[in-house]
Amino acid sequence: VSRDDATDQVTLTRMSPASAMAWRDGRLIYDDRPLTEVAADLSRAFRTPFTVAPDARNLRFSGVLELDAEDKVIARLEGFLPVTSARSGQGIELRRR
């Protein structure tokens, strides 16, 4: 289940049980998911608010993110996607590079 913050629309997606429960093993698995969804998951995983700048909201991500250290996860995202991160007192914003 995913929810679009802008439209408040809820979408049900089929996925394997292993993918759905990967967070228990310290991983997040995505298959062509919006960057906003990844940011929402990271906000829950690290208790740091992650947001996506308007210019990066159309980016999509497929892959596995290991949830070890916050800075390592951010570096991996910056390597996988054309994004950079900016940290402020409000959290971390992912912006298009």
PDB file of N, CA and C in Angstrom:
ATOM      1  N   VAL A   1       0.850  -1.170   0.000  1.00  0.00           N
ATOM      2  CA  VAL A   1       0.000   0.000   0.000  1.00  0.00           C
ATOM      3  C   VAL A   1       0.899   1.236   0.000  1.00  0.00           C
ATOM      4  N   SER A   2       0.587   2.175  -0.864  1.00  0.00           N
ATOM      5  CA  SER A   2       1.295   3.453  -0.858  1.00  0.00           C
ATOM      6  C   SER A   2       0.251   4.567  -0.938  1.00  0.00           C
ATOM      7  N   ARG A   3       0.650   5.740  -0.441  1.00  0.00           N
ATOM      8  CA  ARG A   3      -0.247   6.894  -0.424  1.00  0.00           C
ATOM      9  C   ARG A   3       0.473   8.080  -1.023  1.00  0.00           C
ATOM     10  N   ASP A   4      -0.141   8.741  -1.967  1.00  0.00           N
ATOM     11  CA  ASP A   4       0.408   9.936  -2.590  1.00  0.00           C
ATOM     12  C   ASP A   4       0.029  11.125  -1.722  1.00  0.00           C
ATOM     13  N   ASP A   5       1.036  11.803  -1.163  1.00  0.00           N
ATOM     14  CA  ASP A   5       0.774  12.931  -0.274  1.00  0.00           C
ATOM     15  C   ASP A   5       0.050  14.078  -0.978  1.00  0.00           C
ATOM     16  N   ALA A   6       0.358  14.291  -2.248  1.00  0.00           N
ATOM     17  CA  ALA A   6      -0.232  15.423  -2.966  1.00  0.00           C
ATOM     18  C   ALA A   6      -1.718  15.210  -3.246  1.00  0.00           C
ATOM     19  N   THR A   7      -2.091  13.971  -3.608  1.00  0.00           N
ATOM     20  CA  THR A   7      -3.475  13.710  -3.988  1.00  0.00           C
ATOM     21  C   THR A   7      -4.254  12.945  -2.929  1.00  0.00           C
ATOM     22  N   ASP A   8      -3.557  12.424  -1.932  1.00  0.00           N
ATOM     23  CA  ASP A   8      -4.151  11.604  -0.883  1.00  0.00           C
ATOM     24  C   ASP A   8      -4.726  10.300  -1.445  1.00  0.00           C
ATOM     25  N   GLN A   9      -4.238   9.890  -2.620  1.00  0.00           N
ATOM     26  CA  GLN A   9      -4.696   8.661  -3.257  1.00  0.00           C
ATOM     27  C   GLN A   9      -3.907   7.471  -2.714  1.00  0.00           C
ATOM     28  N   VAL A  10      -4.612   6.394  -2.400  1.00  0.00           N
ATOM     29  CA  VAL A  10      -3.995   5.170  -1.902  1.00  0.00           C
ATOM     30  C   VAL A  10      -3.962   4.155  -3.031  1.00  0.00           C
ATOM     31  N   THR A  11      -2.803   3.483  -3.203  1.00  0.00           N
ATOM     32  CA  THR A  11      -2.625   2.502  -4.255  1.00  0.00           C
ATOM     33  C   THR A  11      -2.165   1.186  -3.652  1.00  0.00           C
ATOM     34  N   LEU A  12      -2.810   0.099  -4.059  1.00  0.00           N
ATOM     35  CA  LEU A  12      -2.391  -1.240  -3.651  1.00  0.00           C
ATOM     36  C   LEU A  12      -1.502  -1.816  -4.737  1.00  0.00           C
ATOM     37  N   THR A  13      -0.365  -2.391  -4.335  1.00  0.00           N
ATOM     38  CA  THR A  13       0.585  -2.965  -5.274  1.00  0.00           C
ATOM     39  C   THR A  13       0.930  -4.381  -4.841  1.00  0.00           C
ATOM     40  N   ARG A  14       0.980  -5.299  -5.809  1.00  0.00           N
ATOM     41  CA  ARG A  14       1.410  -6.662  -5.496  1.00  0.00           C
ATOM     42  C   ARG A  14       2.911  -6.690  -5.319  1.00  0.00           C
ATOM     43  N   MET A  15       3.358  -7.466  -4.320  1.00  0.00           N
ATOM     44  CA  MET A  15       4.786  -7.670  -4.128  1.00  0.00           C
ATOM     45  C   MET A  15       4.977  -8.970  -3.371  1.00  0.00           C
ATOM     46  N   SER A  16       6.182  -9.482  -3.449  1.00  0.00           N
ATOM     47  CA  SER A  16       6.457 -10.736  -2.756  1.00  0.00           C
ATOM     48  C   SER A  16       6.512 -10.484  -1.249  1.00  0.00           C
ATOM     49  N   PRO A  17       6.172 -11.485  -0.455  1.00  0.00           N
ATOM     50  CA  PRO A  17       6.267 -11.318   1.000  1.00  0.00           C
ATOM     51  C   PRO A  17       7.684 -10.967   1.450  1.00  0.00           C
ATOM     52  N   ALA A  18       8.689 -11.521   0.775  1.00  0.00           N
ATOM     53  CA  ALA A  18      10.083 -11.219   1.141  1.00  0.00           C
ATOM     54  C   ALA A  18      10.387  -9.735   0.953  1.00  0.00           C
ATOM     55  N   SER A  19       9.909  -9.166  -0.140  1.00  0.00           N
ATOM     56  CA  SER A  19      10.136  -7.737  -0.379  1.00  0.00           C
ATOM     57  C   SER A  19       9.387  -6.886   0.636  1.00  0.00           C
ATOM     58  N   ALA A  20       8.155  -7.285   0.935  1.00  0.00           N
ATOM     59  CA  ALA A  20       7.331  -6.518   1.866  1.00  0.00           C
ATOM     60  C   ALA A  20       7.919  -6.501   3.271  1.00  0.00           C
ATOM     61  N   MET A  21       8.591  -7.563   3.661  1.00  0.00           N
ATOM     62  CA  MET A  21       9.128  -7.662   5.014  1.00  0.00           C
ATOM     63  C   MET A  21      10.636  -7.416   5.086  1.00  0.00           C
ATOM     64  N   ALA A  22      11.246  -6.972   4.000  1.00  0.00           N
ATOM     65  CA  ALA A  22      12.695  -6.766   3.959  1.00  0.00           C
ATOM     66  C   ALA A  22      13.176  -5.757   4.997  1.00  0.00           C
ATOM     67  N   TRP A  23      12.322  -4.799   5.372  1.00  0.00           N
ATOM     68  CA  TRP A  23      12.715  -3.780   6.356  1.00  0.00           C
ATOM     69  C   TRP A  23      13.117  -4.433   7.672  1.00  0.00           C
ATOM     70  N   ARG A  24      12.561  -5.604   7.967  1.00  0.00           N
ATOM     71  CA  ARG A  24      12.927  -6.303   9.206  1.00  0.00           C
ATOM     72  C   ARG A  24      14.385  -6.748   9.187  1.00  0.00           C
ATOM     73  N   ASP A  25      14.912  -6.949   7.976  1.00  0.00           N
ATOM     74  CA  ASP A  25      16.309  -7.357   7.804  1.00  0.00           C
ATOM     75  C   ASP A  25      17.204  -6.167   7.480  1.00  0.00           C
ATOM     76  N   GLY A  26      16.681  -4.958   7.621  1.00  0.00           N
ATOM     77  CA  GLY A  26      17.484  -3.766   7.378  1.00  0.00           C
ATOM     78  C   GLY A  26      17.634  -3.413   5.914  1.00  0.00           C
ATOM     79  N   ARG A  27      16.620  -3.737   5.102  1.00  0.00           N
ATOM     80  CA  ARG A  27      16.658  -3.402   3.683  1.00  0.00           C
ATOM     81  C   ARG A  27      15.311  -2.856   3.248  1.00  0.00           C
ATOM     82  N   LEU A  28      15.354  -1.998   2.254  1.00  0.00           N
ATOM     83  CA  LEU A  28      14.141  -1.531   1.587  1.00  0.00           C
ATOM     84  C   LEU A  28      14.288  -1.891   0.114  1.00  0.00           C
ATOM     85  N   ILE A  29      13.280  -2.552  -0.441  1.00  0.00           N
ATOM     86  CA  ILE A  29      13.340  -3.017  -1.820  1.00  0.00           C
ATOM     87  C   ILE A  29      12.275  -2.277  -2.626  1.00  0.00           C
ATOM     88  N   TYR A  30      12.700  -1.731  -3.776  1.00  0.00           N
ATOM     89  CA  TYR A  30      11.806  -0.943  -4.619  1.00  0.00           C
ATOM     90  C   TYR A  30      11.853  -1.431  -6.060  1.00  0.00           C
ATOM     91  N   ASP A  31      10.708  -1.373  -6.707  1.00  0.00           N
ATOM     92  CA  ASP A  31      10.605  -1.683  -8.125  1.00  0.00           C
ATOM     93  C   ASP A  31       9.829  -0.555  -8.793  1.00  0.00           C
ATOM     94  N   ASP A  32      10.570   0.378  -9.390  1.00  0.00           N
ATOM     95  CA  ASP A  32       9.982   1.516 -10.097  1.00  0.00           C
ATOM     96  C   ASP A  32       9.016   2.311  -9.217  1.00  0.00           C
ATOM     97  N   ARG A  33       9.507   2.701  -8.054  1.00  0.00           N
ATOM     98  CA  ARG A  33       8.685   3.461  -7.102  1.00  0.00           C
ATOM     99  C   ARG A  33       9.091   4.932  -7.125  1.00  0.00           C
ATOM    100  N   PRO A  34       8.154   5.845  -6.841  1.00  0.00           N
ATOM    101  CA  PRO A  34       8.483   7.275  -6.823  1.00  0.00           C
ATOM    102  C   PRO A  34       9.470   7.613  -5.695  1.00  0.00           C
ATOM    103  N   LEU A  35      10.335   8.564  -5.969  1.00  0.00           N
ATOM    104  CA  LEU A  35      11.306   8.990  -4.968  1.00  0.00           C
ATOM    105  C   LEU A  35      10.611   9.496  -3.710  1.00  0.00           C
ATOM    106  N   THR A  36       9.432  10.056  -3.849  1.00  0.00           N
ATOM    107  CA  THR A  36       8.689  10.522  -2.674  1.00  0.00           C
ATOM    108  C   THR A  36       8.357   9.356  -1.737  1.00  0.00           C
ATOM    109  N   GLU A  37       8.084   8.193  -2.291  1.00  0.00           N
ATOM    110  CA  GLU A  37       7.817   7.013  -1.465  1.00  0.00           C
ATOM    111  C   GLU A  37       9.080   6.563  -0.736  1.00  0.00           C
ATOM    112  N   VAL A  38      10.206   6.585  -1.447  1.00  0.00           N
ATOM    113  CA  VAL A  38      11.481   6.230  -0.828  1.00  0.00           C
ATOM    114  C   VAL A  38      11.784   7.188   0.318  1.00  0.00           C
ATOM    115  N   ALA A  39      11.574   8.485   0.091  1.00  0.00           N
ATOM    116  CA  ALA A  39      11.829   9.492   1.126  1.00  0.00           C
ATOM    117  C   ALA A  39      10.941   9.255   2.349  1.00  0.00           C
ATOM    118  N   ALA A  40       9.684   8.914   2.130  1.00  0.00           N
ATOM    119  CA  ALA A  40       8.773   8.647   3.252  1.00  0.00           C
ATOM    120  C   ALA A  40       9.250   7.440   4.056  1.00  0.00           C
ATOM    121  N   ASP A  41       9.705   6.400   3.358  1.00  0.00           N
ATOM    122  CA  ASP A  41      10.223   5.214   4.047  1.00  0.00           C
ATOM    123  C   ASP A  41      11.481   5.544   4.842  1.00  0.00           C
ATOM    124  N   LEU A  42      12.362   6.361   4.255  1.00  0.00           N
ATOM    125  CA  LEU A  42      13.591   6.740   4.963  1.00  0.00           C
ATOM    126  C   LEU A  42      13.278   7.598   6.185  1.00  0.00           C
ATOM    127  N   SER A  43      12.256   8.421   6.096  1.00  0.00           N
ATOM    128  CA  SER A  43      11.841   9.231   7.249  1.00  0.00           C
ATOM    129  C   SER A  43      11.445   8.335   8.418  1.00  0.00           C
ATOM    130  N   ARG A  44      10.752   7.260   8.120  1.00  0.00           N
ATOM    131  CA  ARG A  44      10.363   6.319   9.174  1.00  0.00           C
ATOM    132  C   ARG A  44      11.553   5.517   9.682  1.00  0.00           C
ATOM    133  N   ALA A  45      12.447   5.123   8.784  1.00  0.00           N
ATOM    134  CA  ALA A  45      13.585   4.277   9.160  1.00  0.00           C
ATOM    135  C   ALA A  45      14.588   5.014  10.033  1.00  0.00           C
ATOM    136  N   PHE A  46      14.808   6.305   9.760  1.00  0.00           N
ATOM    137  CA  PHE A  46      15.850   7.051  10.458  1.00  0.00           C
ATOM    138  C   PHE A  46      15.323   8.116  11.410  1.00  0.00           C
ATOM    139  N   ARG A  47      14.045   8.339  11.457  1.00  0.00           N
ATOM    140  CA  ARG A  47      13.462   9.362  12.323  1.00  0.00           C
ATOM    141  C   ARG A  47      13.957  10.766  11.949  1.00  0.00           C
ATOM    142  N   THR A  48      14.458  10.902  10.731  1.00  0.00           N
ATOM    143  CA  THR A  48      14.851  12.193  10.179  1.00  0.00           C
ATOM    144  C   THR A  48      13.882  12.491   9.052  1.00  0.00           C
ATOM    145  N   PRO A  49      13.271  13.648   9.011  1.00  0.00           N
ATOM    146  CA  PRO A  49      12.369  13.948   7.902  1.00  0.00           C
ATOM    147  C   PRO A  49      13.132  14.044   6.574  1.00  0.00           C
ATOM    148  N   PHE A  50      12.741  13.232   5.623  1.00  0.00           N
ATOM    149  CA  PHE A  50      13.275  13.287   4.267  1.00  0.00           C
ATOM    150  C   PHE A  50      12.189  13.861   3.376  1.00  0.00           C
ATOM    151  N   THR A  51      12.539  14.831   2.557  1.00  0.00           N
ATOM    152  CA  THR A  51      11.600  15.405   1.605  1.00  0.00           C
ATOM    153  C   THR A  51      12.239  15.384   0.222  1.00  0.00           C
ATOM    154  N   VAL A  52      11.418  15.596  -0.783  1.00  0.00           N
ATOM    155  CA  VAL A  52      11.888  15.610  -2.164  1.00  0.00           C
ATOM    156  C   VAL A  52      11.535  16.962  -2.768  1.00  0.00           C
ATOM    157  N   ALA A  53      12.543  17.623  -3.326  1.00  0.00           N
ATOM    158  CA  ALA A  53      12.316  18.920  -3.967  1.00  0.00           C
ATOM    159  C   ALA A  53      11.404  18.738  -5.179  1.00  0.00           C
ATOM    160  N   PRO A  54      10.639  19.767  -5.519  1.00  0.00           N
ATOM    161  CA  PRO A  54       9.722  19.658  -6.665  1.00  0.00           C
ATOM    162  C   PRO A  54      10.402  19.187  -7.956  1.00  0.00           C
ATOM    163  N   ASP A  55      11.649  19.614  -8.180  1.00  0.00           N
ATOM    164  CA  ASP A  55      12.328  19.234  -9.429  1.00  0.00           C
ATOM    165  C   ASP A  55      12.749  17.763  -9.472  1.00  0.00           C
ATOM    166  N   ALA A  56      12.621  17.041  -8.352  1.00  0.00           N
ATOM    167  CA  ALA A  56      13.009  15.633  -8.309  1.00  0.00           C
ATOM    168  C   ALA A  56      11.824  14.704  -8.070  1.00  0.00           C
ATOM    169  N   ARG A  57      10.644  15.238  -7.946  1.00  0.00           N
ATOM    170  CA  ARG A  57       9.477  14.409  -7.603  1.00  0.00           C
ATOM    171  C   ARG A  57       9.080  13.417  -8.690  1.00  0.00           C
ATOM    172  N   ASN A  58       9.495  13.648  -9.920  1.00  0.00           N
ATOM    173  CA  ASN A  58       9.134  12.705 -10.980  1.00  0.00           C
ATOM    174  C   ASN A  58      10.146  11.567 -11.113  1.00  0.00           C
ATOM    175  N   LEU A  59      11.211  11.575 -10.304  1.00  0.00           N
ATOM    176  CA  LEU A  59      12.195  10.494 -10.359  1.00  0.00           C
ATOM    177  C   LEU A  59      11.631   9.232  -9.732  1.00  0.00           C
ATOM    178  N   ARG A  60      12.034   8.087 -10.300  1.00  0.00           N
ATOM    179  CA  ARG A  60      11.586   6.790  -9.799  1.00  0.00           C
ATOM    180  C   ARG A  60      12.818   5.963  -9.475  1.00  0.00           C
ATOM    181  N   PHE A  61      12.657   5.019  -8.547  1.00  0.00           N
ATOM    182  CA  PHE A  61      13.799   4.220  -8.079  1.00  0.00           C
ATOM    183  C   PHE A  61      13.457   2.740  -8.097  1.00  0.00           C
ATOM    184  N   SER A  62      14.403   1.948  -8.577  1.00  0.00           N
ATOM    185  CA  SER A  62      14.355   0.490  -8.491  1.00  0.00           C
ATOM    186  C   SER A  62      15.669   0.045  -7.887  1.00  0.00           C
ATOM    187  N   GLY A  63      15.602  -0.768  -6.864  1.00  0.00           N
ATOM    188  CA  GLY A  63      16.825  -1.265  -6.246  1.00  0.00           C
ATOM    189  C   GLY A  63      16.607  -1.608  -4.791  1.00  0.00           C
ATOM    190  N   VAL A  64      17.704  -1.979  -4.148  1.00  0.00           N
ATOM    191  CA  VAL A  64      17.692  -2.351  -2.736  1.00  0.00           C
ATOM    192  C   VAL A  64      18.544  -1.355  -1.971  1.00  0.00           C
ATOM    193  N   LEU A  65      17.998  -0.808  -0.907  1.00  0.00           N
ATOM    194  CA  LEU A  65      18.753   0.090  -0.031  1.00  0.00           C
ATOM    195  C   LEU A  65      19.003  -0.625   1.288  1.00  0.00           C
ATOM    196  N   GLU A  66      20.263  -0.784   1.637  1.00  0.00           N
ATOM    197  CA  GLU A  66      20.633  -1.328   2.948  1.00  0.00           C
ATOM    198  C   GLU A  66      20.489  -0.203   3.961  1.00  0.00           C
ATOM    199  N   LEU A  67      19.818  -0.466   5.051  1.00  0.00           N
ATOM    200  CA  LEU A  67      19.573   0.556   6.071  1.00  0.00           C
ATOM    201  C   LEU A  67      20.625   0.473   7.167  1.00  0.00           C
ATOM    202  N   ASP A  68      21.876   0.743   6.811  1.00  0.00           N
ATOM    203  CA  ASP A  68      22.927   0.723   7.823  1.00  0.00           C
ATOM    204  C   ASP A  68      23.053   2.098   8.469  1.00  0.00           C
ATOM    205  N   ALA A  69      23.791   2.993   7.892  1.00  0.00           N
ATOM    206  CA  ALA A  69      23.955   4.341   8.442  1.00  0.00           C
ATOM    207  C   ALA A  69      23.276   5.347   7.504  1.00  0.00           C
ATOM    208  N   GLU A  70      22.633   6.337   8.089  1.00  0.00           N
ATOM    209  CA  GLU A  70      21.892   7.331   7.308  1.00  0.00           C
ATOM    210  C   GLU A  70      22.752   7.954   6.212  1.00  0.00           C
ATOM    211  N   ASP A  71      23.988   8.373   6.546  1.00  0.00           N
ATOM    212  CA  ASP A  71      24.839   9.018   5.550  1.00  0.00           C
ATOM    213  C   ASP A  71      25.225   8.063   4.425  1.00  0.00           C
ATOM    214  N   LYS A  72      25.361   6.775   4.725  1.00  0.00           N
ATOM    215  CA  LYS A  72      25.681   5.782   3.693  1.00  0.00           C
ATOM    216  C   LYS A  72      24.495   5.565   2.759  1.00  0.00           C
ATOM    217  N   VAL A  73      23.299   5.534   3.317  1.00  0.00           N
ATOM    218  CA  VAL A  73      22.101   5.360   2.492  1.00  0.00           C
ATOM    219  C   VAL A  73      21.942   6.559   1.562  1.00  0.00           C
ATOM    220  N   ILE A  74      22.167   7.752   2.073  1.00  0.00           N
ATOM    221  CA  ILE A  74      22.071   8.960   1.249  1.00  0.00           C
ATOM    222  C   ILE A  74      23.106   8.908   0.127  1.00  0.00           C
ATOM    223  N   ALA A  75      24.328   8.503   0.442  1.00  0.00           N
ATOM    224  CA  ALA A  75      25.378   8.402  -0.578  1.00  0.00           C
ATOM    225  C   ALA A  75      24.994   7.396  -1.661  1.00  0.00           C
ATOM    226  N   ARG A  76      24.370   6.291  -1.258  1.00  0.00           N
ATOM    227  CA  ARG A  76      23.936   5.295  -2.252  1.00  0.00           C
ATOM    228  C   ARG A  76      22.858   5.873  -3.164  1.00  0.00           C
ATOM    229  N   LEU A  77      21.892   6.567  -2.581  1.00  0.00           N
ATOM    230  CA  LEU A  77      20.845   7.184  -3.406  1.00  0.00           C
ATOM    231  C   LEU A  77      21.452   8.187  -4.390  1.00  0.00           C
ATOM    232  N   GLU A  78      22.412   8.966  -3.923  1.00  0.00           N
ATOM    233  CA  GLU A  78      23.074   9.942  -4.800  1.00  0.00           C
ATOM    234  C   GLU A  78      23.849   9.230  -5.907  1.00  0.00           C
ATOM    235  N   GLY A  79      24.309   8.006  -5.658  1.00  0.00           N
ATOM    236  CA  GLY A  79      24.996   7.235  -6.683  1.00  0.00           C
ATOM    237  C   GLY A  79      24.044   6.581  -7.674  1.00  0.00           C
ATOM    238  N   PHE A  80      22.864   6.202  -7.203  1.00  0.00           N
ATOM    239  CA  PHE A  80      21.883   5.520  -8.047  1.00  0.00           C
ATOM    240  C   PHE A  80      21.063   6.477  -8.906  1.00  0.00           C
ATOM    241  N   LEU A  81      20.782   7.654  -8.380  1.00  0.00           N
ATOM    242  CA  LEU A  81      19.890   8.608  -9.044  1.00  0.00           C
ATOM    243  C   LEU A  81      20.591   9.946  -9.248  1.00  0.00           C
ATOM    244  N   PRO A  82      20.093  10.757 -10.171  1.00  0.00           N
ATOM    245  CA  PRO A  82      20.678  12.090 -10.365  1.00  0.00           C
ATOM    246  C   PRO A  82      20.178  13.066  -9.293  1.00  0.00           C
ATOM    247  N   VAL A  83      20.500  12.762  -8.024  1.00  0.00           N
ATOM    248  CA  VAL A  83      20.078  13.612  -6.912  1.00  0.00           C
ATOM    249  C   VAL A  83      21.262  13.959  -6.030  1.00  0.00           C
ATOM    250  N   THR A  84      21.072  15.008  -5.282  1.00  0.00           N
ATOM    251  CA  THR A  84      21.996  15.404  -4.234  1.00  0.00           C
ATOM    252  C   THR A  84      21.148  15.690  -3.003  1.00  0.00           C
ATOM    253  N   SER A  85      21.782  15.678  -1.845  1.00  0.00           N
ATOM    254  CA  SER A  85      21.023  15.916  -0.615  1.00  0.00           C
ATOM    255  C   SER A  85      21.461  17.219   0.034  1.00  0.00           C
ATOM    256  N   ALA A  86      20.525  17.851   0.701  1.00  0.00           N
ATOM    257  CA  ALA A  86      20.808  19.073   1.453  1.00  0.00           C
ATOM    258  C   ALA A  86      20.210  18.898   2.849  1.00  0.00           C
ATOM    259  N   ARG A  87      21.055  19.021   3.856  1.00  0.00           N
ATOM    260  CA  ARG A  87      20.611  18.847   5.237  1.00  0.00           C
ATOM    261  C   ARG A  87      20.352  20.226   5.854  1.00  0.00           C
ATOM    262  N   SER A  88      19.240  20.312   6.592  1.00  0.00           N
ATOM    263  CA  SER A  88      18.908  21.552   7.302  1.00  0.00           C
ATOM    264  C   SER A  88      18.342  21.172   8.657  1.00  0.00           C
ATOM    265  N   GLY A  89      17.926  22.152   9.410  1.00  0.00           N
ATOM    266  CA  GLY A  89      17.308  21.896  10.699  1.00  0.00           C
ATOM    267  C   GLY A  89      15.975  21.167  10.576  1.00  0.00           C
ATOM    268  N   GLN A  90      15.384  21.198   9.378  1.00  0.00           N
ATOM    269  CA  GLN A  90      14.110  20.521   9.142  1.00  0.00           C
ATOM    270  C   GLN A  90      14.290  19.084   8.656  1.00  0.00           C
ATOM    271  N   GLY A  91      15.493  18.677   8.323  1.00  0.00           N
ATOM    272  CA  GLY A  91      15.721  17.314   7.838  1.00  0.00           C
ATOM    273  C   GLY A  91      16.601  17.306   6.613  1.00  0.00           C
ATOM    274  N   ILE A  92      16.321  16.373   5.707  1.00  0.00           N
ATOM    275  CA  ILE A  92      17.126  16.180   4.509  1.00  0.00           C
ATOM    276  C   ILE A  92      16.220  16.305   3.294  1.00  0.00           C
ATOM    277  N   GLU A  93      16.641  17.144   2.349  1.00  0.00           N
ATOM    278  CA  GLU A  93      15.894  17.306   1.109  1.00  0.00           C
ATOM    279  C   GLU A  93      16.694  16.683  -0.023  1.00  0.00           C
ATOM    280  N   LEU A  94      16.038  15.856  -0.830  1.00  0.00           N
ATOM    281  CA  LEU A  94      16.651  15.267  -2.010  1.00  0.00           C
ATOM    282  C   LEU A  94      16.300  16.150  -3.191  1.00  0.00           C
ATOM    283  N   ARG A  95      17.348  16.613  -3.909  1.00  0.00           N
ATOM    284  CA  ARG A  95      17.160  17.533  -5.034  1.00  0.00           C
ATOM    285  C   ARG A  95      17.779  16.950  -6.282  1.00  0.00           C
ATOM    286  N   ARG A  96      17.210  17.305  -7.430  1.00  0.00           N
ATOM    287  CA  ARG A  96      17.778  16.860  -8.704  1.00  0.00           C
ATOM    288  C   ARG A  96      19.162  17.490  -8.886  1.00  0.00           C
ATOM    289  N   ARG A  97      20.084  16.676  -9.336  1.00  0.00           N
ATOM    290  CA  ARG A  97      21.446  17.144  -9.608  1.00  0.00           C
ATOM    291  C   ARG A  97      21.525  17.839 -10.924  1.00  0.00           C
TER     292      ARG A  97
END
